[in-house]
């Protein structure tokens, strides 16, 4: 499911957070944090980075499957 009703709280996609290098986030309320959450969390969907789609597995097919 792309949009869940219950979002796990993370400063990485909070309204007050700004992504820094690595796992660090700059929070307007708490300063520099690493993978933390707080009571001021407000979800910002524009900061959510979707997962990359899984590459298809073509090993289950044979060469004859691709011939017309």
N, C-alpha and C. Protein backbone atom coordinates (compact mmCIF):
# COMPACT_ATOMS: atom_id res chain seq x y z
N UNK A 1 0.84 -1.17 0.00
CA UNK A 1 0.00 0.00 0.00
C UNK A 1 0.89 1.24 0.00
N UNK A 2 0.59 2.16 -0.85
CA UNK A 2 1.39 3.37 -0.98
C UNK A 2 1.15 4.34 0.16
N UNK A 3 -0.09 4.57 0.49
CA UNK A 3 -0.43 5.52 1.56
C UNK A 3 -1.08 4.78 2.72
N UNK A 4 -0.39 4.72 3.82
CA UNK A 4 -0.91 4.05 4.99
C UNK A 4 -1.59 5.07 5.90
N UNK A 5 -2.56 4.63 6.64
CA UNK A 5 -3.24 5.51 7.59
C UNK A 5 -2.32 5.84 8.76
N UNK A 6 -1.54 4.85 9.20
CA UNK A 6 -0.65 5.04 10.33
C UNK A 6 0.78 5.16 9.82
N UNK A 7 1.36 6.32 9.95
CA UNK A 7 2.73 6.57 9.50
C UNK A 7 3.66 6.46 10.69
N UNK A 8 4.74 5.69 10.52
CA UNK A 8 5.74 5.59 11.58
C UNK A 8 6.44 6.95 11.70
N UNK A 9 6.52 7.47 12.90
CA UNK A 9 7.11 8.80 13.11
C UNK A 9 8.61 8.76 12.89
N UNK A 10 9.11 9.70 12.12
CA UNK A 10 10.54 9.84 11.88
C UNK A 10 10.81 11.29 11.51
N UNK A 11 11.88 11.85 12.06
CA UNK A 11 12.24 13.24 11.76
C UNK A 11 12.66 13.41 10.30
N UNK A 12 12.96 12.32 9.61
CA UNK A 12 13.37 12.40 8.21
C UNK A 12 12.26 12.94 7.32
N UNK A 13 11.01 12.69 7.66
CA UNK A 13 9.89 13.21 6.87
C UNK A 13 8.90 13.98 7.72
N UNK A 14 9.44 14.76 8.62
CA UNK A 14 8.64 15.65 9.46
C UNK A 14 8.62 17.06 8.85
N UNK A 15 7.60 17.80 9.13
CA UNK A 15 7.47 19.17 8.64
C UNK A 15 8.62 20.04 9.14
N UNK A 16 9.09 19.78 10.36
CA UNK A 16 10.14 20.60 10.96
C UNK A 16 11.55 20.10 10.66
N UNK A 17 11.71 18.95 10.01
CA UNK A 17 13.01 18.35 9.78
C UNK A 17 13.58 18.67 8.40
N UNK A 18 14.91 18.76 8.34
CA UNK A 18 15.63 18.94 7.08
C UNK A 18 16.74 17.90 7.03
N UNK A 19 16.80 17.13 5.96
CA UNK A 19 17.76 16.04 5.83
C UNK A 19 19.17 16.58 5.71
N UNK A 20 20.09 16.01 6.50
CA UNK A 20 21.51 16.33 6.43
C UNK A 20 22.25 15.10 5.89
N UNK A 21 23.56 15.08 6.03
CA UNK A 21 24.35 13.94 5.55
C UNK A 21 24.05 12.68 6.34
N UNK A 22 24.05 11.54 5.65
CA UNK A 22 23.86 10.26 6.32
C UNK A 22 22.50 10.13 6.96
N UNK A 23 22.47 9.71 8.22
CA UNK A 23 21.23 9.48 8.95
C UNK A 23 20.80 10.69 9.77
N UNK A 24 21.49 11.80 9.64
CA UNK A 24 21.21 12.97 10.47
C UNK A 24 20.11 13.84 9.85
N UNK A 25 19.35 14.46 10.75
CA UNK A 25 18.28 15.37 10.37
C UNK A 25 18.37 16.61 11.25
N UNK A 26 18.19 17.77 10.64
CA UNK A 26 18.17 19.01 11.39
C UNK A 26 16.72 19.35 11.71
N UNK A 27 16.39 19.31 12.99
CA UNK A 27 15.03 19.57 13.44
C UNK A 27 14.94 21.01 13.95
N UNK A 28 13.89 21.72 13.55
CA UNK A 28 13.70 23.10 14.00
C UNK A 28 13.39 23.16 15.49
N UNK A 29 12.91 22.06 16.06
CA UNK A 29 12.54 22.03 17.48
C UNK A 29 13.65 21.47 18.37
N UNK A 30 14.38 20.44 17.87
CA UNK A 30 15.37 19.74 18.71
C UNK A 30 16.81 19.91 18.25
N UNK A 31 17.06 20.47 17.10
CA UNK A 31 18.43 20.60 16.59
C UNK A 31 18.80 19.39 15.75
N UNK A 32 20.08 19.01 15.75
CA UNK A 32 20.54 17.88 14.95
C UNK A 32 20.17 16.58 15.68
N UNK A 33 19.46 15.71 14.97
CA UNK A 33 19.03 14.43 15.53
C UNK A 33 19.38 13.32 14.56
N UNK A 34 19.50 12.11 15.08
CA UNK A 34 19.72 10.93 14.25
C UNK A 34 18.63 9.92 14.53
N UNK A 35 17.77 9.69 13.55
CA UNK A 35 16.70 8.70 13.61
C UNK A 35 15.88 8.82 14.89
N UNK A 36 15.44 9.99 15.19
CA UNK A 36 14.68 10.24 16.40
C UNK A 36 13.28 10.71 16.04
N UNK A 37 12.40 10.65 16.99
CA UNK A 37 11.05 11.17 16.80
C UNK A 37 10.68 11.95 18.06
N UNK A 38 9.78 12.90 17.90
CA UNK A 38 9.38 13.69 19.06
C UNK A 38 7.88 13.97 19.01
N UNK A 39 7.37 14.64 20.00
CA UNK A 39 5.94 14.93 20.09
C UNK A 39 5.51 16.01 19.11
N UNK A 40 6.42 16.79 18.57
CA UNK A 40 6.10 17.85 17.63
C UNK A 40 6.00 17.35 16.18
N UNK A 41 6.03 16.04 15.99
CA UNK A 41 6.02 15.45 14.65
C UNK A 41 4.77 15.85 13.87
N UNK A 42 4.99 16.38 12.68
CA UNK A 42 3.92 16.68 11.73
C UNK A 42 4.35 16.10 10.38
N UNK A 43 3.57 15.18 9.86
CA UNK A 43 3.92 14.48 8.62
C UNK A 43 3.90 15.41 7.42
N UNK A 44 4.97 15.35 6.61
CA UNK A 44 5.08 16.12 5.38
C UNK A 44 5.29 15.12 4.24
N UNK A 45 4.25 14.81 3.44
CA UNK A 45 4.38 13.78 2.41
C UNK A 45 5.38 14.11 1.30
N UNK A 46 5.74 15.37 1.13
CA UNK A 46 6.69 15.72 0.09
C UNK A 46 8.12 15.31 0.45
N UNK A 47 8.38 15.00 1.69
CA UNK A 47 9.72 14.58 2.12
C UNK A 47 9.90 13.07 2.10
N UNK A 48 8.83 12.36 1.86
CA UNK A 48 8.90 10.89 1.85
C UNK A 48 9.48 10.44 0.52
N UNK A 49 10.54 9.64 0.56
CA UNK A 49 11.19 9.12 -0.65
C UNK A 49 10.70 7.69 -0.84
N UNK A 50 10.03 7.40 -1.97
CA UNK A 50 9.51 6.05 -2.19
C UNK A 50 10.65 5.06 -2.43
N UNK A 51 10.41 3.80 -2.10
CA UNK A 51 11.39 2.76 -2.34
C UNK A 51 11.54 2.52 -3.83
N UNK A 52 12.74 2.12 -4.25
CA UNK A 52 12.96 1.79 -5.65
C UNK A 52 12.24 0.49 -5.97
N UNK A 53 11.66 0.39 -7.17
CA UNK A 53 10.97 -0.85 -7.51
C UNK A 53 11.97 -1.99 -7.66
N UNK A 54 11.52 -3.17 -7.33
CA UNK A 54 12.37 -4.34 -7.41
C UNK A 54 12.60 -4.69 -8.87
N UNK A 55 13.85 -5.01 -9.21
CA UNK A 55 14.20 -5.38 -10.59
C UNK A 55 13.55 -6.72 -10.93
N UNK A 56 12.99 -6.83 -12.15
CA UNK A 56 12.35 -8.09 -12.51
C UNK A 56 13.38 -9.22 -12.63
N UNK A 57 12.97 -10.43 -12.29
CA UNK A 57 13.84 -11.60 -12.35
C UNK A 57 13.57 -12.33 -13.66
N UNK A 58 14.49 -12.20 -14.61
CA UNK A 58 14.32 -12.83 -15.91
C UNK A 58 14.94 -14.22 -15.98
N UNK A 59 15.52 -14.72 -14.90
CA UNK A 59 16.15 -16.03 -14.92
C UNK A 59 15.12 -17.15 -15.03
N UNK A 60 13.88 -16.88 -14.69
CA UNK A 60 12.86 -17.92 -14.77
C UNK A 60 12.42 -18.17 -16.22
N UNK A 61 12.77 -17.28 -17.14
CA UNK A 61 12.42 -17.43 -18.55
C UNK A 61 13.58 -18.03 -19.33
N UNK A 62 13.25 -18.64 -20.46
CA UNK A 62 14.26 -19.19 -21.36
C UNK A 62 14.34 -18.34 -22.60
N UNK A 63 15.36 -18.51 -23.39
CA UNK A 63 15.55 -17.73 -24.61
C UNK A 63 14.39 -17.94 -25.57
N UNK A 64 13.81 -19.12 -25.58
CA UNK A 64 12.71 -19.43 -26.51
C UNK A 64 11.43 -18.63 -26.15
N UNK A 65 11.32 -18.14 -24.96
CA UNK A 65 10.17 -17.36 -24.56
C UNK A 65 10.14 -15.99 -25.24
N UNK A 66 11.29 -15.54 -25.74
CA UNK A 66 11.39 -14.21 -26.33
C UNK A 66 11.44 -14.24 -27.86
N UNK A 67 11.23 -15.37 -28.45
CA UNK A 67 11.27 -15.51 -29.90
C UNK A 67 9.85 -15.43 -30.45
N UNK A 68 9.70 -14.68 -31.55
CA UNK A 68 8.37 -14.59 -32.19
C UNK A 68 8.15 -15.72 -33.15
